Protein backbone atom coordinates (compact mmCIF):
# COMPACT_ATOMS: atom_id res chain seq x y z
CA MET A 1 -72.91 50.26 -0.34
CA LEU A 2 -72.83 52.36 -3.06
CA TYR A 3 -75.65 52.19 -5.95
CA ALA A 4 -76.21 53.66 -8.63
CA ARG A 5 -80.02 55.97 -9.34
CA ARG A 6 -82.75 54.27 -9.73
CA SER A 7 -83.42 56.25 -12.60
CA CYS A 8 -81.55 53.72 -14.89
CA THR A 9 -82.80 52.64 -18.50
CA SER A 10 -84.46 49.68 -18.43
CA TRP A 11 -84.92 47.37 -21.22
CA ARG A 12 -86.53 43.98 -22.14
CA TRP A 13 -86.44 41.59 -25.52
CA LEU A 14 -89.50 42.32 -27.19
CA SER A 15 -89.30 41.73 -31.00
CA HIS A 16 -91.01 38.73 -31.66
CA ALA A 17 -89.19 38.77 -34.96
CA ARG A 18 -85.89 38.34 -33.39
CA ALA A 19 -87.11 36.31 -30.17
CA ARG A 20 -89.38 33.32 -29.50
CA ALA A 21 -92.07 32.29 -26.56
CA TYR A 22 -90.59 29.32 -25.13
CA SER A 23 -92.48 28.27 -21.64
CA THR A 24 -95.69 27.00 -20.81
CA ALA A 25 -97.55 28.72 -18.15
CA THR A 26 -97.45 27.30 -14.63
CA SER A 27 -100.76 27.71 -12.78
CA GLU A 28 -98.35 27.31 -9.52
CA PRO A 29 -95.83 28.95 -7.85
CA PHE A 30 -92.44 27.81 -8.21
CA LYS A 31 -90.42 25.23 -6.49
CA VAL A 32 -86.67 26.65 -6.70
CA LEU A 33 -83.15 25.19 -6.43
CA PHE A 34 -80.88 28.21 -5.59
CA PHE A 35 -77.43 27.43 -6.56
CA GLY A 36 -75.11 30.34 -5.13
CA ARG A 37 -72.19 31.01 -2.86
CA ASP A 38 -71.18 34.70 -2.24
CA GLU A 39 -72.45 38.32 -1.58
CA PHE A 40 -73.61 38.77 -5.19
CA SER A 41 -75.77 35.67 -4.79
CA CYS A 42 -77.09 36.82 -1.46
CA VAL A 43 -78.52 40.10 -2.71
CA VAL A 44 -80.01 38.24 -5.71
CA MET A 45 -81.52 35.81 -2.87
CA GLN A 46 -82.80 38.96 -0.72
CA GLN A 47 -84.72 39.99 -3.53
CA LEU A 48 -86.43 36.89 -4.19
CA LEU A 49 -87.35 35.99 -0.97
CA GLN A 50 -89.27 39.27 -0.40
CA ALA A 51 -91.19 38.36 -3.60
CA LYS A 52 -92.46 35.26 -2.08
CA VAL A 53 -96.38 35.75 -3.02
CA ASN A 54 -97.44 34.20 -6.00
CA VAL A 55 -93.79 33.59 -7.17
CA TRP A 56 -92.08 31.03 -5.02
CA GLN A 57 -93.76 28.12 -2.64
CA ASP A 58 -90.40 26.67 -1.64
CA ILE A 59 -86.55 27.23 -2.16
CA GLN A 60 -83.94 25.28 -1.58
CA VAL A 61 -80.30 26.05 -1.71
CA VAL A 62 -77.04 24.24 -2.95
CA THR A 63 -73.95 25.87 -1.88
CA GLN A 64 -70.35 25.17 -1.85
CA PRO A 65 -68.88 23.46 1.20
CA ASP A 66 -66.66 24.70 4.29
CA MET A 67 -63.25 24.51 3.88
CA LYS A 68 -60.80 23.27 7.04
CA ILE A 69 -57.72 25.15 6.64
CA GLY A 70 -55.69 23.65 9.79
CA ARG A 71 -57.65 23.28 12.57
CA ARG A 72 -59.86 25.59 11.77
CA VAL A 73 -63.18 25.15 9.83
CA HIS A 74 -64.43 28.30 7.61
CA CYS A 75 -67.49 28.75 6.06
CA LEU A 76 -66.81 30.01 2.53
CA ALA A 77 -70.17 30.75 1.45
CA PRO A 78 -72.19 33.67 3.04
CA LEU A 79 -75.10 32.32 1.03
CA LYS A 80 -75.12 29.58 3.35
CA LEU A 81 -75.51 31.47 6.34
CA LEU A 82 -78.33 33.55 4.62
CA ALA A 83 -80.08 30.73 3.75
CA GLN A 84 -79.67 29.29 7.32
CA GLU A 85 -81.19 32.63 9.07
CA ALA A 86 -84.16 32.53 6.63
CA GLY A 87 -84.88 28.58 7.31
CA LEU A 88 -84.68 27.28 3.94
CA GLN A 89 -83.07 23.59 3.46
CA VAL A 90 -79.25 23.63 2.34
CA HIS A 91 -77.40 21.41 0.10
CA THR A 92 -73.50 21.56 0.01
CA ILE A 93 -71.87 19.98 -3.00
CA PRO A 94 -68.66 17.76 -2.68
CA GLN A 95 -65.49 19.41 -2.84
CA GLU A 96 -64.06 17.92 -5.67
CA ARG A 97 -65.10 19.07 -8.79
CA LYS A 98 -65.18 15.67 -10.58
CA ALA A 99 -67.43 14.33 -7.77
CA PHE A 100 -70.03 17.44 -8.39
CA ARG A 101 -70.43 15.96 -11.77
CA SER A 102 -72.10 13.06 -10.51
CA TRP A 103 -74.37 14.69 -7.94
CA GLU A 104 -78.19 14.53 -7.61
CA ALA A 105 -80.68 17.18 -6.97
CA PRO A 106 -82.69 16.47 -3.90
CA SER A 107 -86.43 16.05 -3.84
CA PRO A 108 -88.78 16.91 -5.46
CA PHE A 109 -86.74 17.84 -8.46
CA VAL A 110 -85.91 13.68 -9.16
CA ASP A 111 -89.42 12.78 -7.75
CA TYR A 112 -90.96 12.35 -11.21
CA VAL A 113 -88.43 10.55 -12.45
CA TYR A 114 -89.09 7.54 -10.27
CA SER A 115 -92.82 7.95 -10.09
CA ASP A 116 -93.09 8.39 -14.05
CA PRO A 117 -89.81 8.28 -16.17
CA GLY A 118 -91.35 9.04 -19.36
CA ARG A 119 -92.88 12.44 -17.72
CA PRO A 120 -91.32 15.48 -18.26
CA PRO A 121 -90.27 17.56 -15.35
CA PRO A 122 -92.72 19.60 -13.69
CA SER A 123 -92.89 23.47 -15.09
CA ASN A 124 -93.25 24.87 -11.81
CA HIS A 125 -89.44 23.34 -11.00
CA LEU A 126 -86.65 25.86 -11.33
CA PHE A 127 -83.18 26.09 -10.98
CA VAL A 128 -81.88 29.43 -10.60
CA THR A 129 -77.75 30.02 -10.64
CA ALA A 130 -75.92 33.23 -9.67
CA SER A 131 -72.29 33.51 -8.90
CA PHE A 132 -72.33 29.75 -7.95
CA GLY A 133 -68.92 28.90 -9.42
CA ARG A 134 -69.39 25.37 -10.68
CA ILE A 135 -70.71 23.90 -14.05
CA LEU A 136 -73.88 22.05 -13.62
CA SER A 137 -73.93 18.70 -15.30
CA ARG A 138 -75.92 17.90 -18.30
CA SER A 139 -77.64 15.02 -16.02
CA LEU A 140 -78.15 18.00 -13.35
CA LEU A 141 -79.80 20.17 -15.85
CA GLY A 142 -81.80 17.81 -17.25
CA ARG A 143 -84.09 17.73 -13.91
CA VAL A 144 -85.95 20.77 -14.86
CA GLN A 145 -87.00 21.87 -18.43
CA PRO A 146 -84.70 23.96 -20.78
CA SER A 147 -86.57 27.30 -20.04
CA ARG A 148 -86.57 26.71 -16.29
CA ARG A 149 -83.08 27.20 -16.22
CA LEU A 150 -81.98 30.62 -14.98
CA ASN A 151 -78.83 32.50 -14.57
CA VAL A 152 -78.19 35.98 -12.96
CA HIS A 153 -75.13 37.62 -15.00
CA PRO A 154 -73.74 40.71 -13.97
CA SER A 155 -72.99 42.30 -17.20
CA LEU A 156 -74.53 43.37 -20.81
CA LEU A 157 -74.36 40.09 -22.81
CA PRO A 158 -72.46 39.37 -24.78
CA GLU A 159 -70.24 41.89 -23.36
CA TYR A 160 -67.74 40.80 -20.74
CA ARG A 161 -69.03 37.03 -21.03
CA GLY A 162 -67.05 34.70 -18.76
CA PRO A 163 -65.84 34.49 -15.23
CA SER A 164 -64.91 37.79 -14.33
CA PRO A 165 -67.39 40.48 -15.59
CA LEU A 166 -67.64 42.86 -12.55
CA GLN A 167 -63.62 42.77 -12.96
CA TYR A 168 -63.58 44.15 -16.67
CA THR A 169 -66.06 46.60 -16.31
CA LEU A 170 -63.86 48.71 -13.73
CA ILE A 171 -60.35 47.83 -15.62
CA ASP A 172 -61.81 48.87 -19.01
CA GLN A 173 -63.46 52.11 -17.08
CA VAL A 174 -66.71 51.57 -18.67
CA LYS A 175 -69.27 54.34 -17.90
CA GLU A 176 -72.41 51.82 -18.47
CA THR A 177 -73.03 48.29 -17.39
CA GLY A 178 -76.16 45.90 -16.58
CA VAL A 179 -77.62 42.69 -15.34
CA CYS A 180 -78.93 39.76 -17.50
CA VAL A 181 -81.15 36.65 -16.64
CA ILE A 182 -80.25 34.06 -19.39
CA GLU A 183 -80.87 30.89 -20.16
CA MET A 184 -78.10 28.08 -18.43
CA LEU A 185 -76.84 26.34 -21.37
CA GLU A 186 -74.80 22.57 -20.88
CA LYS A 187 -71.06 23.10 -21.49
CA ASN A 188 -69.92 22.22 -24.64
CA LYS A 189 -67.35 22.48 -27.58
CA ARG A 190 -70.00 24.88 -29.39
CA ASN A 191 -70.76 27.03 -26.42
CA ASP A 192 -70.15 28.39 -22.85
CA ILE A 193 -72.83 27.92 -20.05
CA ASP A 194 -73.34 32.03 -20.02
CA SER A 195 -73.65 32.31 -23.93
CA GLY A 196 -77.57 31.30 -23.37
CA SER A 197 -80.52 33.43 -24.97
CA ILE A 198 -81.38 36.60 -22.81
CA PHE A 199 -84.76 36.55 -20.90
CA ALA A 200 -84.25 40.04 -19.80
CA SER A 201 -81.71 42.71 -19.25
CA GLU A 202 -81.49 46.16 -17.71
CA LYS A 203 -78.56 48.65 -17.75
CA MET A 204 -77.03 50.74 -15.17
CA ARG A 205 -74.78 53.65 -15.24
CA VAL A 206 -71.09 53.05 -13.41
CA PRO A 207 -70.48 55.27 -10.73
CA GLU A 208 -67.24 57.18 -11.13
CA ASP A 209 -65.87 55.78 -7.47
CA ALA A 210 -67.41 52.27 -7.96
CA ASN A 211 -65.10 49.37 -6.29
CA PHE A 212 -65.72 45.55 -6.89
CA ALA A 213 -67.88 45.42 -3.78
CA SER A 214 -70.07 48.57 -4.73
CA LEU A 215 -70.49 47.28 -8.19
CA ARG A 216 -71.16 43.93 -7.18
CA ASP A 217 -74.11 44.93 -4.82
CA ALA A 218 -75.72 47.32 -7.11
CA LEU A 219 -75.80 44.65 -9.96
CA ALA A 220 -77.17 41.78 -7.90
CA LEU A 221 -79.54 44.51 -6.56
CA ARG A 222 -81.08 44.83 -10.08
CA GLY A 223 -80.47 41.24 -10.87
CA GLY A 224 -82.60 40.02 -8.09
CA ASN A 225 -85.57 42.23 -9.08
CA LEU A 226 -85.18 41.23 -12.67
CA LEU A 227 -85.25 37.39 -11.81
CA VAL A 228 -88.70 37.92 -10.12
CA SER A 229 -89.72 39.67 -12.95
CA VAL A 230 -89.17 36.93 -15.55
CA MET A 231 -90.60 34.13 -12.86
CA ARG A 232 -93.55 36.23 -13.20
CA ALA A 233 -93.97 36.50 -16.63
CA MET A 234 -93.21 32.80 -17.07
CA MET A 235 -96.27 32.25 -15.14
CA VAL A 236 -98.39 33.77 -17.16
CA ASN A 237 -96.73 32.14 -20.32
CA LYS A 238 -95.29 35.77 -21.17
CA ASP A 239 -91.48 35.36 -21.12
CA ILE A 240 -89.05 35.39 -24.43
CA ARG A 241 -85.75 35.12 -24.92
CA ARG A 242 -83.12 36.10 -27.60
CA PRO A 243 -79.95 34.76 -28.61
CA GLN A 244 -76.75 36.31 -27.90
CA ALA A 245 -73.28 36.01 -29.78
CA GLY A 246 -69.83 37.07 -28.40
CA HIS A 247 -66.58 35.58 -26.82
CA ALA A 248 -65.25 35.26 -23.07
CA GLN A 249 -62.56 37.36 -22.04
CA ARG A 250 -59.46 36.38 -19.71
CA LEU A 251 -58.47 38.69 -17.06
CA GLN A 252 -54.57 38.19 -16.60
CA VAL A 253 -51.51 40.16 -14.84
CA ASP A 254 -48.20 40.21 -16.89
CA PHE A 255 -45.68 42.71 -15.61
CA ARG A 256 -43.43 42.32 -18.51
CA LYS A 257 -46.23 43.58 -21.21
CA GLN A 258 -48.21 46.25 -18.84
CA THR A 259 -47.54 49.35 -16.88
CA ALA A 260 -47.63 50.22 -13.31
CA ALA A 261 -50.57 52.35 -14.40
CA GLU A 262 -52.29 49.70 -16.10
CA ILE A 263 -51.95 47.23 -13.30
CA ALA A 264 -53.27 50.10 -10.93
CA ALA A 265 -56.26 50.35 -12.86
CA LEU A 266 -56.58 46.68 -12.75
CA HIS A 267 -56.49 46.16 -8.95
CA ARG A 268 -60.05 48.43 -8.84
CA GLY A 269 -61.51 45.32 -10.48
CA ILE A 270 -59.74 42.64 -8.80
CA ALA A 271 -58.81 44.50 -5.31
CA HIS A 272 -60.93 41.57 -3.49
CA GLN A 273 -58.07 39.17 -4.53
CA ILE A 274 -55.01 41.21 -4.66
CA HIS A 275 -54.09 44.17 -2.03
CA GLU A 276 -53.61 47.71 -1.69
CA VAL A 277 -51.71 48.05 -4.69
CA THR A 278 -50.69 51.41 -6.18
CA GLU A 279 -48.43 53.02 -8.57
CA VAL A 280 -45.25 54.76 -7.71
CA PRO A 281 -42.60 57.27 -8.97
CA ALA A 282 -39.35 55.27 -9.66
CA PRO A 283 -37.52 58.20 -7.52
CA LEU A 284 -39.67 56.97 -4.51
CA VAL A 285 -38.62 53.39 -4.87
CA GLY A 286 -34.93 54.17 -4.04
CA GLY A 287 -33.90 52.25 -7.44
CA PRO A 288 -34.55 48.66 -6.08
CA ASP A 289 -31.87 46.53 -8.69
CA ALA A 290 -34.63 44.27 -10.20
CA SER A 291 -35.24 43.58 -13.39
CA CYS A 292 -38.60 43.84 -15.26
CA TRP A 293 -41.55 41.88 -14.09
CA SER A 294 -39.47 40.88 -10.98
CA GLY A 295 -39.79 42.18 -7.28
CA VAL A 296 -37.85 42.91 -4.01
CA LEU A 297 -38.68 44.18 -0.11
CA HIS A 298 -38.05 47.72 0.07
CA LYS A 299 -36.86 47.60 3.79
CA PRO A 300 -37.22 51.14 5.13
CA MET A 301 -40.81 51.27 3.46
CA LYS A 302 -42.05 47.94 4.59
CA THR A 303 -43.26 47.78 0.82
CA PHE A 304 -42.78 45.42 -1.74
CA PHE A 305 -41.74 46.79 -5.41
CA VAL A 306 -42.65 44.97 -8.68
CA ARG A 307 -40.42 46.82 -11.79
CA CYS A 308 -43.18 46.63 -14.77
CA ALA A 309 -43.13 47.67 -18.20
CA ASP A 310 -41.66 50.98 -19.39
CA ASP A 311 -39.65 51.05 -15.91
CA SER A 312 -42.74 51.73 -13.92
CA PHE A 313 -43.23 50.39 -10.47
CA ILE A 314 -46.08 49.28 -8.15
CA ALA A 315 -46.15 49.34 -4.53
CA VAL A 316 -47.89 45.93 -2.86
CA GLN A 317 -48.16 46.45 0.93
CA LYS A 318 -49.92 43.34 1.84
CA VAL A 319 -50.12 39.81 0.21
CA LYS A 320 -52.81 37.24 0.40
CA GLN A 321 -51.84 33.94 -0.97
CA GLN A 322 -54.38 30.68 -1.75
CA ASP A 323 -56.05 29.52 1.53
CA ARG A 324 -53.59 31.81 3.67
CA SER A 325 -54.50 34.75 5.91
CA LEU A 326 -53.95 38.16 4.70
CA MET A 327 -49.88 39.39 5.54
CA SER A 328 -48.09 42.41 5.17
CA ALA A 329 -45.40 42.45 2.57
CA LYS A 330 -42.67 42.63 4.85
CA ASP A 331 -43.69 39.27 7.03
CA TRP A 332 -44.49 37.73 3.54
CA TRP A 333 -41.48 38.22 2.34
CA SER A 334 -39.60 37.45 5.30
CA GLY A 335 -40.96 33.92 4.85
CA LEU A 336 -39.55 33.22 1.24
CA PRO A 337 -36.68 30.69 0.64
CA ALA A 338 -33.63 33.01 -0.15
CA GLN A 339 -33.06 31.88 -3.40
CA LEU A 340 -36.14 32.93 -4.66
CA ARG A 341 -35.20 36.40 -4.04
CA PRO A 342 -36.03 38.43 -5.69
CA LEU A 343 -38.90 36.97 -6.75
CA GLU A 344 -40.15 36.76 -10.39
CA PHE A 345 -43.48 36.72 -11.67
CA LEU A 346 -44.59 34.93 -14.27
CA PRO A 347 -48.43 35.88 -16.21
CA TRP A 348 -51.01 35.49 -14.07
CA ASN A 349 -54.96 34.68 -14.95
CA ALA A 350 -57.22 36.22 -12.44
CA SER A 351 -60.26 34.49 -13.98
CA GLY A 352 -58.73 31.04 -13.42
């Protein structure tokens, strides 16, 4: 794995003129309900597990369910495996998003509701999300105090707010990025879930040869350590948070408007979604007679070519459709109905 040097600059929001203290100190270590699923979540969790002393007394994990593809059941959440190895209790949410809206938190996060409905949630109950992929409902968020809802976000908010912060960092070729621990908000018409106030943030230089996986792991490592620092501050009532402002960005592939060079740069950020994409000169392509934003298979090279803006081309050697295995471009093309060739591409939103 590739990590930036630890000599990077770190900073906290300490100005009481622009930030307010919200939390009430707790004399007990936290009981944590951790929501996550992927490798980013795993690295954050590992830092939390290593900081048990005086920080947490119990962690339960909430993650995505396994998915059955054909006759095989696939575990789509590496966090589930990590949690099981650590002996943590794991809860899986419903597959359907609509069903998750009424999903209830496990004990002890609901015990106070039944024992004393008028009492506020205990101050040592904490929700943490890290690349969870689902939105927590208003009723679920209500199981902990507002200042006890933390999200680890891999960017220097408000920059790259939204679902694709790592991808945009690489695509835009920025030199510096970072990670934030923010307050989770209820999603409504006035705000996004990651527009909450910032508890703490840390900057990091982006290595020149960084890719999605290496940047993800480097920021997750810092994010996990930052999360522990925020939790320690909460226990002594020294945590503060500062409002943020900004807008989410959307990640889009549009062969009509983007050149091959631009799409190749974009590929660096979403290489975990599209595979083996390179820019190639037109003479090498052999002049596939395809209109802009359409593609054909070049049989001698067993490569799928797409004509982009400014008469530029990208070469795609492997293709992965949703819920399908990775396959060669030749095999993928052979499986297309004849009436779809040459294949026309519409603008595609990678951020969902």
